[in-house]
Protein backbone atom coordinates (compact mmCIF):
# COMPACT_ATOMS: atom_id res chain seq x y z
CA MET A 1 57.00 74.67 -91.72
CA LYS A 2 59.37 77.10 -90.02
CA PRO A 3 58.40 80.74 -89.87
CA SER A 4 60.32 82.92 -92.20
CA LYS A 5 62.39 85.88 -91.14
CA HIS A 6 59.61 88.12 -92.28
CA SER A 7 56.92 86.39 -90.19
CA SER A 8 55.10 88.56 -87.64
CA TYR A 9 53.07 87.84 -84.51
CA VAL A 10 49.61 89.24 -84.04
CA PHE A 11 48.33 90.01 -80.50
CA ILE A 12 44.64 90.44 -79.99
CA LEU A 13 43.86 92.87 -77.16
CA ASN A 14 40.61 92.39 -75.33
CA ILE A 15 39.62 95.84 -74.14
CA SER A 16 36.98 94.50 -71.75
CA SER A 17 39.53 92.22 -70.00
CA ILE A 18 41.97 95.08 -69.55
CA PHE A 19 39.22 97.22 -68.13
CA ARG A 20 38.25 94.51 -65.66
CA LEU A 21 41.85 94.05 -64.49
CA PHE A 22 42.25 97.78 -64.04
CA ALA A 23 38.97 97.99 -62.12
CA VAL A 24 40.03 95.13 -59.80
CA PHE A 25 43.38 96.85 -59.18
CA VAL A 26 41.78 100.21 -58.37
CA LEU A 27 39.16 98.56 -56.14
CA SER A 28 41.85 96.65 -54.25
CA LEU A 29 43.76 99.86 -53.60
CA LEU A 30 40.60 101.55 -52.36
CA LEU A 31 39.87 98.69 -49.97
CA VAL A 32 43.41 98.82 -48.62
CA PHE A 33 43.18 102.58 -48.02
CA ILE A 34 39.74 102.21 -46.42
CA LEU A 35 41.05 99.48 -44.08
CA ILE A 36 44.10 101.54 -43.11
CA GLY A 37 41.95 104.62 -42.54
CA THR A 38 39.50 102.68 -40.38
CA LEU A 39 42.22 101.14 -38.20
CA THR A 40 44.04 104.42 -37.67
CA SER A 41 40.87 106.37 -36.86
CA LEU A 42 39.69 103.96 -34.17
CA LYS A 43 39.74 105.10 -30.58
CA PRO A 44 42.75 103.77 -28.62
CA GLY A 45 40.53 101.41 -26.65
CA TYR A 46 39.40 99.66 -29.85
CA ARG A 47 42.73 99.34 -31.60
CA VAL A 48 44.61 96.09 -31.77
CA ALA A 49 47.18 96.44 -29.00
CA SER A 50 50.11 94.21 -28.13
CA SER A 51 48.13 92.92 -25.16
CA THR A 52 45.40 91.74 -27.56
CA VAL A 53 47.91 89.87 -29.66
CA ASN A 54 49.43 88.41 -26.52
CA GLU A 55 46.01 87.24 -25.32
CA ALA A 56 45.32 85.58 -28.67
CA ALA A 57 48.71 83.84 -28.59
CA LYS A 58 47.80 82.22 -25.27
CA HIS A 59 45.48 79.89 -27.16
CA PHE A 60 48.50 78.27 -28.78
CA SER A 61 50.85 75.99 -26.90
CA SER A 62 54.59 76.17 -27.57
CA LYS A 63 54.44 72.85 -29.41
CA GLN A 64 51.58 74.06 -31.59
CA LEU A 65 53.51 77.19 -32.56
CA TYR A 66 56.57 75.05 -33.21
CA ARG A 67 54.52 72.78 -35.50
CA MET A 68 53.23 75.81 -37.43
CA PHE A 69 56.76 77.10 -37.96
CA LEU A 70 57.88 73.71 -39.25
CA SER A 71 54.94 73.21 -41.59
CA ASP A 72 57.16 74.03 -44.58
CA SER A 73 60.06 71.84 -43.47
CA GLN A 74 59.30 68.14 -43.57
CA LEU A 75 62.79 67.25 -42.43
CA LEU A 76 62.58 69.26 -39.21
CA ALA A 77 58.97 68.21 -38.68
CA LEU A 78 60.14 64.61 -38.29
CA ASN A 79 61.49 65.53 -34.85
CA MET A 80 58.05 66.58 -33.65
CA PRO A 81 56.28 63.89 -31.55
CA LYS A 82 53.43 62.38 -33.51
CA THR A 83 51.32 62.16 -30.36
CA GLU A 84 51.00 65.94 -30.17
CA SER A 85 47.63 66.87 -31.63
CA PHE A 86 47.10 70.10 -33.50
CA SER A 87 43.56 71.17 -34.28
CA ILE A 88 42.97 74.42 -36.14
CA SER A 89 39.21 74.09 -35.59
CA LYS A 90 39.67 73.72 -31.82
CA ILE A 91 41.92 76.76 -31.61
CA ALA A 92 39.56 78.82 -33.79
CA PHE A 93 36.60 77.83 -31.60
CA GLU A 94 38.44 78.82 -28.41
CA MET A 95 39.50 82.17 -29.89
CA MET A 96 35.99 83.01 -31.10
CA THR A 97 34.10 81.88 -27.97
CA ASN A 98 36.80 82.25 -25.29
CA VAL A 99 35.66 78.84 -24.02
CA ARG A 100 38.52 76.44 -23.26
CA PHE A 101 37.74 72.73 -23.16
CA GLN A 102 40.40 72.03 -20.53
CA ASP A 103 39.04 74.75 -18.21
CA PRO A 104 35.26 74.46 -17.53
CA ARG A 105 35.35 77.75 -15.59
CA SER A 106 35.51 79.57 -18.92
CA LEU A 107 31.96 78.39 -19.67
CA LEU A 108 30.47 78.23 -16.17
CA GLY A 109 31.75 81.69 -15.33
CA ARG A 110 29.29 83.14 -17.84
CA GLU A 111 26.35 80.99 -16.85
CA LEU A 112 26.46 81.02 -13.03
CA PRO A 113 25.94 84.36 -11.24
CA GLY A 114 28.93 85.29 -9.10
CA PHE A 115 31.04 82.39 -10.40
CA ASP A 116 33.45 84.75 -12.15
CA ILE A 117 34.90 85.68 -8.75
CA PHE A 118 36.96 82.49 -9.04
CA ASP A 119 38.29 83.40 -12.47
CA SER A 120 41.87 83.85 -11.32
CA LYS A 121 44.95 82.41 -12.96
CA ILE A 122 47.55 80.33 -11.16
CA LEU A 123 50.92 81.55 -12.43
CA VAL A 124 52.88 79.17 -10.18
CA ALA A 125 51.06 76.54 -8.15
CA GLY A 126 52.18 75.56 -4.68
CA GLU A 127 51.78 72.00 -3.45
CA GLY A 128 48.06 71.18 -3.28
CA SER A 129 46.96 74.50 -4.74
CA ASN A 130 44.31 74.43 -7.47
CA TYR A 131 41.29 76.37 -8.67
CA THR A 132 39.09 74.93 -5.89
CA ASN A 133 41.08 76.40 -3.02
CA LEU A 134 42.25 79.81 -4.24
CA PRO A 135 42.31 82.63 -1.66
CA ILE A 136 38.96 84.28 -0.99
CA GLU A 137 38.62 87.94 -0.10
CA SER A 138 36.06 88.32 2.67
CA VAL A 139 33.59 91.16 2.27
CA PRO A 140 32.14 92.36 5.56
CA PRO A 141 28.66 93.92 5.67
CA ASP A 142 28.54 97.64 4.88
CA ASN A 143 27.46 98.53 8.44
CA SER A 144 30.46 96.69 9.93
CA LEU A 145 32.75 99.63 9.13
CA LYS A 146 30.87 101.78 11.64
CA SER A 147 30.02 99.06 14.17
CA SER A 148 31.99 98.51 17.36
CA ASP A 149 34.62 95.80 17.73
CA PRO A 150 33.52 92.35 18.91
CA LYS A 151 34.75 91.17 22.30
CA THR A 152 38.16 89.51 22.29
CA GLN A 153 39.60 86.37 23.85
CA ASN A 154 43.00 84.69 24.13
CA THR A 155 44.70 88.08 23.72
CA ASP A 156 47.32 87.13 26.33
CA GLN A 157 48.60 84.55 23.86
CA ILE A 158 49.52 87.20 21.27
CA ASN A 159 52.52 88.57 23.16
CA LYS A 160 53.58 85.07 24.14
CA ALA A 161 53.45 84.08 20.48
CA LYS A 162 55.74 86.96 19.61
CA ASP A 163 58.22 86.05 22.35
CA ASN A 164 58.22 82.40 21.26
CA ASN A 165 59.05 83.41 17.68
CA GLN A 166 61.60 86.08 18.55
CA ASP A 167 64.65 84.34 17.13
CA LYS A 168 68.00 85.67 18.23
CA HIS A 169 70.08 86.83 15.28
CA ASN A 170 73.70 87.85 15.21
CA LYS A 171 74.47 91.37 14.12
CA PRO A 172 73.82 91.39 10.36
CA SER A 173 76.94 91.35 8.19
CA GLN A 174 75.44 93.96 5.90
CA THR A 175 72.77 96.60 6.29
CA THR A 176 70.92 99.25 4.33
CA LYS A 177 72.73 101.94 6.30
CA GLY A 178 69.61 103.14 8.07
CA LYS A 179 67.62 103.49 4.84
CA LYS A 180 64.17 101.93 4.77
CA ARG A 181 63.86 99.71 1.70
CA VAL A 182 60.64 97.78 2.36
CA TYR A 183 57.28 99.47 2.84
CA ILE A 184 54.60 97.27 4.43
CA TYR A 185 50.99 98.41 4.49
CA PHE A 186 47.46 97.06 4.89
CA THR A 187 44.55 97.80 2.58
CA HIS A 188 42.08 95.81 4.69
CA THR A 189 43.39 96.96 8.04
CA HIS A 190 40.73 95.32 10.24
CA GLU A 191 41.07 91.76 8.90
CA SER A 192 41.18 89.66 12.05
CA TYR A 193 41.14 86.02 13.22
CA LEU A 194 38.38 83.93 14.75
CA PRO A 195 40.48 82.40 17.60
CA TYR A 196 40.69 85.90 19.16
CA LEU A 197 37.11 87.06 18.59
CA LYS A 198 34.63 85.89 21.19
CA GLY A 199 31.37 84.54 19.77
CA VAL A 200 32.29 85.24 16.12
CA THR A 201 32.10 82.30 13.71
CA ASP A 202 31.40 83.98 10.35
CA PRO A 203 34.66 84.66 8.42
CA ASN A 204 33.09 87.82 6.94
CA LEU A 205 32.65 89.19 10.47
CA ALA A 206 36.26 88.54 11.51
CA GLN A 207 37.05 92.25 11.80
CA HIS A 208 38.73 94.17 14.62
CA SER A 209 40.39 97.59 14.82
CA LYS A 210 43.30 96.40 17.04
CA ILE A 211 43.60 92.60 16.91
CA ASN A 212 44.21 92.30 13.20
CA VAL A 213 46.61 91.76 10.31
CA THR A 214 48.72 94.81 11.15
CA LYS A 215 50.43 92.80 13.91
CA VAL A 216 51.62 90.35 11.26
CA GLY A 217 53.17 93.18 9.26
CA GLU A 218 54.87 94.60 12.33
CA LYS A 219 56.46 91.21 12.93
CA LEU A 220 57.72 91.08 9.34
CA LYS A 221 59.24 94.55 9.78
CA GLU A 222 61.16 93.41 12.87
CA ASP A 223 62.34 90.23 11.14
CA LEU A 224 63.63 92.18 8.14
CA GLU A 225 65.48 94.66 10.34
CA ASP A 226 67.09 91.77 12.20
CA ARG A 227 68.58 90.84 8.84
CA GLY A 228 69.86 94.33 8.11
CA ILE A 229 67.03 95.47 5.83
CA GLY A 230 65.35 98.71 6.86
CA ALA A 231 61.55 98.47 6.77
CA GLU A 232 58.43 100.35 7.76
CA ALA A 233 55.04 98.93 8.72
CA ASP A 234 52.45 101.64 8.06
CA THR A 235 49.42 100.85 10.25
CA THR A 236 47.28 103.68 8.88
CA ASP A 237 43.67 102.63 9.53
CA VAL A 238 42.29 102.51 5.98
CA GLN A 239 38.89 101.31 7.20
CA LYS A 240 38.63 104.35 9.45
CA LEU A 241 39.50 106.59 6.51
CA LEU A 242 36.73 104.98 4.45
CA VAL A 243 34.16 105.92 7.10
CA LYS A 244 35.58 109.43 7.40
CA ASN A 245 35.41 110.01 3.64
CA GLY A 246 32.02 108.36 3.16
CA MET A 247 33.44 105.53 1.06
CA THR A 248 32.50 101.85 0.87
CA TYR A 249 34.60 98.76 1.57
CA SER A 250 34.96 98.12 -2.16
CA GLN A 251 36.90 101.39 -2.40
CA SER A 252 39.59 100.24 0.05
CA TYR A 253 42.34 100.07 -2.58
CA GLN A 254 41.48 103.56 -3.73
CA GLU A 255 42.07 104.83 -0.20
CA SER A 256 45.20 102.76 0.48
CA ARG A 257 46.62 104.04 -2.81
CA GLU A 258 46.72 107.54 -1.34
CA VAL A 259 48.52 106.15 1.71
CA VAL A 260 51.18 104.49 -0.48
CA LEU A 261 51.61 107.57 -2.69
CA SER A 262 52.11 109.72 0.38
CA ALA A 263 54.78 107.32 1.69
CA MET A 264 56.56 107.23 -1.66
CA LYS A 265 56.65 111.01 -1.75
CA ALA A 266 57.94 111.26 1.82
CA ASP A 267 60.69 108.64 1.46
CA HIS A 268 62.33 107.92 -1.89
CA ASP A 269 64.42 105.06 -0.46
CA PHE A 270 61.57 102.54 -0.55
CA GLN A 271 62.19 99.78 -3.11
CA TYR A 272 59.64 97.08 -2.23
CA PHE A 273 55.95 97.47 -1.39
CA ILE A 274 54.06 94.66 0.36
CA ASP A 275 50.32 94.74 1.06
CA ILE A 276 49.50 92.16 3.75
CA HIS A 277 46.09 90.47 3.98
CA ARG A 278 44.60 87.35 5.51
CA ASP A 279 42.59 84.76 3.61
CA SER A 280 38.98 83.88 4.42
CA ARG A 281 39.51 80.17 3.81
CA ARG A 282 39.51 77.76 6.70
CA ARG A 283 42.38 76.08 8.48
CA LYS A 284 42.77 73.03 6.24
CA ASP A 285 43.66 75.25 3.28
CA THR A 286 45.82 77.78 5.13
CA THR A 287 47.99 75.72 7.47
CA VAL A 288 50.99 73.43 7.00
CA THR A 289 53.23 71.55 9.42
CA ILE A 290 56.98 71.97 8.95
CA ASN A 291 59.45 70.19 11.23
CA GLY A 292 56.63 69.41 13.63
CA LYS A 293 55.43 73.02 13.93
CA PRO A 294 52.30 74.57 12.35
CA TYR A 295 52.82 77.48 9.97
CA ALA A 296 50.27 79.76 8.32
CA LYS A 297 50.53 79.33 4.57
CA ILE A 298 51.28 82.30 2.35
CA ALA A 299 49.93 83.15 -1.11
CA PHE A 300 51.32 85.78 -3.49
CA ILE A 301 48.66 87.80 -5.36
CA ILE A 302 49.51 89.73 -8.54
CA GLY A 303 47.16 92.26 -10.18
CA GLY A 304 46.75 91.27 -13.82
CA ASP A 305 45.18 94.57 -14.87
CA ASN A 306 48.48 96.28 -14.24
CA PRO A 307 50.19 96.51 -17.67
CA ASN A 308 53.57 95.77 -16.04
CA TRP A 309 52.37 92.85 -13.93
CA GLU A 310 55.09 90.52 -15.28
CA GLN A 311 57.79 92.39 -13.36
CA ASN A 312 55.92 92.12 -10.07
CA ALA A 313 55.17 88.48 -10.79
CA LYS A 314 58.88 87.79 -11.33
CA VAL A 315 59.69 89.00 -7.79
CA ALA A 316 56.86 86.91 -6.32
CA GLU A 317 57.85 83.82 -8.29
CA ASP A 318 61.44 84.11 -7.10
CA LEU A 319 60.34 84.38 -3.46
CA HIS A 320 57.97 81.44 -3.95
CA ALA A 321 60.82 79.31 -5.33
CA ARG A 322 63.05 80.19 -2.39
CA LEU A 323 60.28 79.36 0.11
CA LYS A 324 59.67 76.06 -1.64
CA LYS A 325 63.34 75.18 -1.32
CA LYS A 326 63.76 76.08 2.36
CA TYR A 327 60.19 75.73 3.73
CA LYS A 328 58.46 73.05 1.68
CA ASP A 329 54.74 73.62 1.04
CA LEU A 330 54.66 76.93 2.93
CA SER A 331 53.80 78.92 -0.21
CA ARG A 332 50.46 78.31 -1.92
CA GLY A 333 51.87 79.79 -5.11
CA VAL A 334 51.62 82.93 -7.22
CA ILE A 335 48.12 83.84 -8.36
CA MET A 336 47.07 86.52 -10.81
CA LYS A 337 43.72 88.26 -10.32
CA LYS A 338 42.05 90.58 -12.79
CA GLY A 339 38.67 91.45 -14.27
CA ALA A 340 35.47 93.12 -13.17
CA SER A 341 35.05 91.02 -10.02
CA THR A 342 38.25 92.27 -8.37
CA ASN A 343 40.38 95.40 -8.13
CA GLY A 344 42.81 94.03 -10.70
CA LYS A 345 45.73 96.33 -9.88
CA PHE A 346 46.05 96.33 -6.08
CA ASN A 347 48.21 99.49 -6.41
CA GLN A 348 50.96 97.37 -7.95
CA ASP A 349 51.18 99.72 -10.91
CA LEU A 350 52.98 102.14 -8.58
CA SER A 351 56.11 99.97 -8.42
CA ASN A 352 57.69 97.05 -10.30
CA HIS A 353 58.63 95.55 -6.92
CA SER A 354 55.18 95.34 -5.43
CA PHE A 355 53.00 92.40 -4.45
CA LEU A 356 50.16 91.40 -2.15
CA ILE A 357 50.39 88.45 0.23
CA GLU A 358 47.66 86.48 1.95
CA VAL A 359 49.07 85.26 5.27
CA GLY A 360 47.09 82.43 6.83
CA GLY A 361 43.33 82.42 7.15
CA VAL A 362 40.59 83.24 9.63
CA ASP A 363 41.44 80.20 11.80
CA ASN A 364 45.18 80.74 12.12
CA THR A 365 46.93 81.95 15.28
CA PHE A 366 49.52 84.69 15.59
CA GLU A 367 52.11 82.13 16.64
CA GLU A 368 51.64 80.34 13.30
CA MET A 369 51.72 83.57 11.32
CA TYR A 370 54.79 84.86 13.15
CA ARG A 371 56.65 81.69 12.16
CA THR A 372 55.69 82.36 8.57
CA MET A 373 56.90 85.95 8.73
CA ASP A 374 60.25 84.77 10.05
CA ALA A 375 60.48 82.34 7.12
CA LEU A 376 59.48 85.03 4.61
CA ALA A 377 62.04 87.47 6.03
CA ASP A 378 64.65 84.73 5.78
CA VAL A 379 64.16 84.12 2.04
CA PHE A 380 63.48 87.78 1.29
CA ALA A 381 66.84 88.73 2.81
CA ASP A 382 68.59 86.18 0.59
CA TYR A 383 66.74 87.55 -2.43
CA TYR A 384 67.39 91.19 -1.51
CA TRP A 385 71.12 90.91 -0.87
CA GLN A 386 71.63 88.88 -4.02
CA ALA A 387 69.74 91.51 -6.04
CA GLU A 388 71.86 94.25 -4.46
CA LYS A 389 75.01 92.37 -5.41
CA VAL A 390 73.85 91.91 -9.00
CA ASN A 391 72.84 95.57 -9.29
CA GLY A 392 76.16 96.69 -7.86
CA ASN A 393 74.61 98.69 -5.03
CA LYS A 394 77.00 99.33 -2.19
CA THR A 395 76.04 98.10 1.27
CA THR A 396 77.82 98.45 4.57
CA THR A 397 79.12 95.82 6.95
CA ALA A 398 78.39 95.71 10.65
CA ALA A 399 81.99 96.70 11.35
CA GLU A 400 81.50 99.94 9.49
């Protein structure tokens, strides 16, 4: 029976249902406002920053993110390899516990006292480099800062080593016109080498006020200038300043920071800042033979607690790639250090063209390290002049 034109519809309104819907709506709005108010009133240190999101994203591989994006497209998902596993439970577990199955250090670092000192990240690995042979920062006893230097030996070989590695270069085709572009300094000024210290066998005691890492930096300065790049090697004795100011060895970077700031204020032409150190590892990890000659290996260290560390890492990664191409296996790679067990910045927040290098180890000789500095200056010059060309900075020729 069809309804007539005069038929009418009757709607029954349930007052209690309407009230419940309204109550749910109002409650939802209140919760939203409470959540927004809570998030905006948090102290800056507790807010969700971009770095937090970035850290969380590290738990996902590129393929896993790709699979998530294609979850709604079966056609595109067909191109994804079926062998790639994707486990939400695994990712959730890693995010909640910060324990990664593929990296046992993430668990052991919390259980073994002092183990977190090895919690560095290899950004670019050199040949043979892994988490078992990362550079180690020696920490001398507190009283060593005030103690006298140990007796030396083989010091006559130092000047000979410099003469043997004094390559003759033609007049550079381009120069920085007398401007100093590279600032070289030394946070741990007294880091020395066992072959030159009589009776010293402990790497932590390889300290000397004159026979030390500053000679390596002075050689790099000369090599850079031979290639037309003005440089300065600041041999300010940071360890001596620590004693003078009543500071401890752990405050070395705090003191060297003042040295760098003073240099930056005095000369605005500096573009690159290199802090030179020596590793405490033994010869097998810090030496390589290239064309029949031993070289001291080099490692680039980037401070991960610097918010702009990616820019410094980019410079180091480029230099590593150039070393790998011209001096195979000389570079141990680019390593990021951060956290409570290390300084984490290494003054690299002062410049986007700043990095720390570990040159050789406690067993290396100056002859080996001088060869390495010549190689580093070689690739750095290529990098520098290419960057100048890209940036459009005018340089001068030798004829000028």
